[in-house]
Amino acid sequence: MELDIKATPKTEMARRPLSRTRQFLFHAYWNGPRRLLPEGAPVLYAGIPIRMTRKFGDLKIPPLAKRLRDIPEYEDALVTGLRRHALAGDRVVIVGGGWGVTAVIAALAIGESGSVVCFEGAEDNVEKVRWAASRSGVADRLNVMHAVVGASIQVYSEGVEGTLFEPEDLPECDLLQLDCEGAEIPILMRMKIRPRAVIVETHGFLGSSTNTVERLLVDLGYRIVTKTVAESSLETMCVDRDVFVVVGLKE
């Protein structure tokens, strides 16, 4: 398995660029001895194995060791919301798959009698979600669709972007999670479904402000039960960029 060192949007924001010396050392190691080393265990985000592994020599390269660290608090607001509100047997729809962590968390929470549909616009992320689902033993209840829902505002991908899926056509579900880099507001404005719970990661710096998301949820008949910074370890950055997780329950 090849290491994928591309960052998630939030972790990329928090990084400092490498100096030229460190860049040289990193690329010398990356293109040389690392290729001969055996694969290690996958990195864990929120306790979920993701499609990124460490090799023995990685720990000797500080920038790489930092990038390959486990992140227990990864997407902790979304993870908490899913664990609190996803029930056994639920139908869950997730828009924005990323590394597949929240999709797997949801699939574990709903059990064998439930189902998860995950829409992911980035071709490379589709494979990450499928890998995480297989590794965690939930591939049988997690369907990944290569599609952009509503609008392609900020799709992090080097591959083919997915086809456009209209918000009006989102399948009926008990819980909806939106983490789609600025497309949350168009989806909320146009969707026809009214799930029991809606969990939204806002992206004010991409035009999807927390205040607007809260107002839309209330207009749709939801009671806001929690509003939390998206990732506790990046609190200052999340506040500055208006990145929160809002949970609404149907009245």
Protein backbone atom coordinates (compact mmCIF):
# COMPACT_ATOMS: atom_id res chain seq x y z
CA MET A 1 0.00 0.00 0.00
CA GLU A 2 1.42 3.37 -0.98
CA LEU A 3 1.43 6.16 1.55
CA ASP A 4 -0.89 9.04 0.78
CA ILE A 5 0.55 12.16 2.39
CA LYS A 6 -2.03 14.62 1.17
CA ALA A 7 -3.58 16.45 4.08
CA THR A 8 -7.18 16.91 4.99
CA PRO A 9 -8.32 20.52 4.50
CA LYS A 10 -8.20 21.38 8.21
CA THR A 11 -4.81 19.78 8.86
CA GLU A 12 -3.40 21.49 5.78
CA MET A 13 -4.49 24.87 7.15
CA ALA A 14 -2.61 24.21 10.38
CA ARG A 15 0.71 23.26 8.77
CA ARG A 16 3.78 25.35 8.23
CA PRO A 17 5.72 24.93 4.96
CA LEU A 18 8.94 22.90 5.13
CA SER A 19 12.29 24.65 4.82
CA ARG A 20 14.32 23.90 1.68
CA THR A 21 16.71 21.70 3.66
CA ARG A 22 13.87 19.67 5.10
CA GLN A 23 12.23 19.42 1.72
CA PHE A 24 15.46 18.05 0.24
CA LEU A 25 15.85 15.47 3.04
CA PHE A 26 12.23 14.47 2.80
CA HIS A 27 12.32 13.89 -0.96
CA ALA A 28 15.68 12.10 -0.78
CA TYR A 29 14.26 9.65 1.73
CA TRP A 30 10.90 9.41 -0.03
CA ASN A 31 12.37 8.56 -3.44
CA GLY A 32 15.15 6.35 -2.10
CA PRO A 33 15.31 4.03 0.91
CA ARG A 34 11.64 4.31 1.88
CA ARG A 35 10.60 2.30 -1.16
CA LEU A 36 12.56 -0.70 0.12
CA LEU A 37 11.09 -0.72 3.63
CA PRO A 38 8.19 -3.05 4.53
CA GLU A 39 4.73 -1.68 5.16
CA GLY A 40 3.69 -1.01 8.74
CA ALA A 41 0.36 -0.56 10.46
CA PRO A 42 -2.13 2.00 9.14
CA VAL A 43 -2.49 5.41 10.74
CA LEU A 44 -5.55 5.79 12.99
CA TYR A 45 -7.90 8.77 12.78
CA ALA A 46 -10.48 8.77 15.59
CA GLY A 47 -9.45 5.16 16.17
CA ILE A 48 -10.34 4.17 12.58
CA PRO A 49 -7.60 2.75 10.29
CA ILE A 50 -7.16 4.94 7.22
CA ARG A 51 -5.41 4.32 3.93
CA MET A 52 -2.09 5.72 5.08
CA THR A 53 0.70 3.65 6.63
CA ARG A 54 3.96 4.25 8.44
CA LYS A 55 7.24 2.56 7.65
CA PHE A 56 10.08 2.10 10.13
CA GLY A 57 12.24 4.88 8.75
CA ASP A 58 9.38 7.39 8.79
CA LEU A 59 9.95 8.02 12.48
CA LYS A 60 13.46 9.30 11.69
CA ILE A 61 12.12 12.10 9.46
CA PRO A 62 10.41 14.65 11.79
CA PRO A 63 8.11 16.26 9.19
CA LEU A 64 6.95 12.87 7.97
CA ALA A 65 6.58 11.45 11.48
CA LYS A 66 4.38 14.42 12.34
CA ARG A 67 2.24 13.96 9.26
CA LEU A 68 1.85 10.25 9.96
CA ARG A 69 0.82 10.55 13.60
CA ASP A 70 -2.42 9.07 14.86
CA ILE A 71 -5.10 11.69 15.47
CA PRO A 72 -7.52 10.49 18.17
CA GLU A 73 -9.43 13.78 18.07
CA TYR A 74 -9.85 13.79 14.27
CA GLU A 75 -13.25 15.30 13.31
CA ASP A 76 -14.24 14.82 16.95
CA ALA A 77 -17.37 16.98 16.72
CA LEU A 78 -18.75 14.96 13.79
CA VAL A 79 -17.72 11.69 15.43
CA THR A 80 -19.44 12.66 18.69
CA GLY A 81 -22.58 13.69 16.84
CA LEU A 82 -22.75 10.41 14.95
CA ARG A 83 -22.16 8.27 18.01
CA ARG A 84 -24.81 10.19 19.94
CA HIS A 85 -27.54 10.33 17.30
CA ALA A 86 -27.05 7.33 14.94
CA LEU A 87 -29.23 4.46 16.13
CA ALA A 88 -29.21 0.75 15.36
CA GLY A 89 -30.96 0.09 12.07
CA ASP A 90 -30.77 3.70 10.87
CA ARG A 91 -30.39 4.73 7.25
CA VAL A 92 -27.57 7.27 7.11
CA VAL A 93 -26.57 9.56 4.25
CA ILE A 94 -23.15 11.21 4.34
CA VAL A 95 -22.14 13.93 1.89
CA GLY A 96 -18.35 14.27 1.89
CA GLY A 97 -16.39 11.10 2.59
CA GLY A 98 -12.78 12.27 2.98
CA TRP A 99 -10.73 9.50 4.55
CA GLY A 100 -13.90 7.52 5.30
CA VAL A 101 -13.70 7.99 9.05
CA THR A 102 -17.18 9.37 9.70
CA ALA A 103 -18.75 6.95 7.21
CA VAL A 104 -17.18 4.03 9.09
CA ILE A 105 -18.17 5.50 12.47
CA ALA A 106 -21.76 5.73 11.23
CA ALA A 107 -21.69 2.18 9.84
CA LEU A 108 -20.41 0.83 13.15
CA ALA A 109 -23.06 2.74 15.10
CA ILE A 110 -26.06 1.53 13.06
CA GLY A 111 -25.06 -2.14 13.09
CA GLU A 112 -25.79 -4.84 10.54
CA SER A 113 -29.45 -3.86 10.18
CA GLY A 114 -28.66 -0.31 9.06
CA SER A 115 -27.17 1.20 5.93
CA VAL A 116 -24.90 4.09 4.96
CA VAL A 117 -24.75 5.87 1.61
CA CYS A 118 -21.70 8.10 1.24
CA PHE A 119 -21.40 10.65 -1.57
CA GLU A 120 -17.81 11.67 -2.34
CA GLY A 121 -16.82 13.95 -5.21
CA ALA A 122 -13.07 13.16 -5.30
CA GLU A 123 -12.06 10.01 -7.14
CA ASP A 124 -9.09 9.28 -4.87
CA ASN A 125 -11.21 9.80 -1.75
CA VAL A 126 -13.77 7.27 -2.99
CA GLU A 127 -11.07 4.62 -2.77
CA LYS A 128 -10.04 5.84 0.69
CA VAL A 129 -13.60 5.46 1.96
CA ARG A 130 -13.93 1.99 0.46
CA TRP A 131 -10.57 0.94 1.92
CA ALA A 132 -11.53 2.17 5.40
CA ALA A 133 -14.89 0.41 5.19
CA SER A 134 -13.27 -2.87 4.15
CA ARG A 135 -10.56 -2.64 6.82
CA SER A 136 -13.17 -2.00 9.54
CA GLY A 137 -15.47 -4.77 8.33
CA VAL A 138 -18.44 -2.60 7.35
CA ALA A 139 -18.20 -2.66 3.54
CA ASP A 140 -21.39 -4.70 3.34
CA ARG A 141 -23.46 -1.84 4.76
CA LEU A 142 -21.59 1.17 3.32
CA ASN A 143 -22.24 2.18 -0.28
CA VAL A 144 -19.87 4.81 -1.69
CA MET A 145 -21.04 6.87 -4.65
CA HIS A 146 -18.61 8.96 -6.74
CA ALA A 147 -20.70 12.10 -7.01
CA VAL A 148 -20.79 15.78 -6.10
CA VAL A 149 -24.01 16.79 -4.38
CA GLY A 150 -25.43 20.21 -5.16
CA ALA A 151 -22.33 22.18 -6.11
CA SER A 152 -18.63 21.63 -6.60
CA ILE A 153 -17.25 24.42 -4.41
CA GLN A 154 -14.09 22.85 -2.98
CA VAL A 155 -13.42 19.23 -4.00
CA TYR A 156 -9.97 18.08 -2.85
CA SER A 157 -8.87 15.69 -5.57
CA GLU A 158 -6.18 15.02 -8.14
CA GLY A 159 -8.39 12.58 -10.02
CA VAL A 160 -11.70 12.73 -11.88
CA GLU A 161 -14.45 14.68 -10.19
CA GLY A 162 -17.70 12.80 -9.65
CA THR A 163 -20.94 13.39 -11.53
CA LEU A 164 -23.42 15.96 -10.23
CA PHE A 165 -26.15 14.63 -7.94
CA GLU A 166 -29.07 16.94 -7.23
CA PRO A 167 -29.94 17.64 -3.56
CA GLU A 168 -33.61 17.04 -4.38
CA ASP A 169 -32.71 13.42 -5.17
CA LEU A 170 -30.98 12.57 -1.88
CA PRO A 171 -32.43 9.28 -0.60
CA GLU A 172 -34.69 9.11 2.42
CA CYS A 173 -32.73 8.61 5.61
CA ASP A 174 -32.87 8.86 9.39
CA LEU A 175 -29.64 10.84 9.74
CA LEU A 176 -27.93 13.18 7.30
CA GLN A 177 -24.33 14.35 7.70
CA LEU A 178 -22.96 17.18 5.55
CA ASP A 179 -19.22 17.86 5.37
CA CYS A 180 -18.85 19.06 1.82
CA GLU A 181 -16.55 22.09 1.92
CA GLY A 182 -18.98 24.93 1.35
CA ALA A 183 -21.81 23.11 -0.45
CA GLU A 184 -23.83 22.67 2.75
CA ILE A 185 -26.11 25.68 2.24
CA PRO A 186 -27.23 24.82 -1.35
CA ILE A 187 -27.99 21.28 -0.17
CA LEU A 188 -30.05 22.42 2.82
CA MET A 189 -31.96 24.90 0.66
CA ARG A 190 -32.89 22.36 -2.01
CA MET A 191 -33.18 18.97 -0.31
CA LYS A 192 -36.62 17.36 0.00
CA ILE A 193 -35.83 14.82 2.70
CA ARG A 194 -36.43 15.53 6.39
CA PRO A 195 -34.31 13.08 8.41
CA ARG A 196 -34.66 12.78 12.17
CA ALA A 197 -31.19 14.28 12.71
CA VAL A 198 -28.98 16.53 10.58
CA ILE A 199 -25.29 17.02 11.39
CA VAL A 200 -23.56 19.79 9.45
CA GLU A 201 -19.92 20.88 9.42
CA THR A 202 -20.01 24.54 8.43
CA HIS A 203 -17.33 26.28 6.36
CA GLY A 204 -17.71 30.01 6.79
CA PHE A 205 -14.47 30.70 4.92
CA LEU A 206 -16.02 29.00 1.88
CA GLY A 207 -19.32 30.86 2.09
CA SER A 208 -21.21 28.37 4.28
CA SER A 209 -21.48 30.32 7.53
CA THR A 210 -22.57 28.78 10.80
CA ASN A 211 -25.27 31.41 11.34
CA THR A 212 -26.83 30.73 7.96
CA VAL A 213 -26.74 26.95 8.48
CA GLU A 214 -28.43 27.32 11.87
CA ARG A 215 -31.12 29.58 10.44
CA LEU A 216 -31.82 27.19 7.56
CA LEU A 217 -32.12 24.22 9.91
CA VAL A 218 -34.59 26.11 12.12
CA ASP A 219 -36.60 27.11 9.04
CA LEU A 220 -36.71 23.42 8.05
CA GLY A 221 -38.20 22.50 11.42
CA TYR A 222 -35.09 21.46 13.33
CA ARG A 223 -34.11 22.30 16.88
CA ILE A 224 -30.40 23.11 17.27
CA VAL A 225 -29.07 20.91 20.07
CA THR A 226 -25.31 21.48 19.80
CA LYS A 227 -22.82 23.78 18.10
CA THR A 228 -19.16 22.82 18.56
CA VAL A 229 -15.84 23.68 16.92
CA ALA A 230 -15.20 21.07 14.25
CA GLU A 231 -11.95 19.76 15.74
CA SER A 232 -10.97 20.52 19.32
CA SER A 233 -7.21 20.37 18.65
CA LEU A 234 -7.61 23.13 16.03
CA GLU A 235 -10.02 25.32 18.01
CA THR A 236 -8.44 28.71 17.24
CA MET A 237 -8.26 27.99 13.52
CA CYS A 238 -11.83 26.68 13.46
CA VAL A 239 -13.14 29.80 15.22
CA ASP A 240 -11.16 32.11 12.93
CA ARG A 241 -12.43 30.37 9.79
CA ASP A 242 -15.93 29.68 11.12
CA VAL A 243 -15.73 25.88 10.97
CA PHE A 244 -18.23 24.37 13.40
CA VAL A 245 -20.43 21.30 13.65
CA VAL A 246 -24.12 22.01 14.14
CA VAL A 247 -26.57 19.28 15.11
CA GLY A 248 -30.31 19.70 14.50
CA LEU A 249 -33.08 17.34 15.58
CA LYS A 250 -36.53 17.30 13.96
CA GLU A 251 -39.15 19.02 16.10
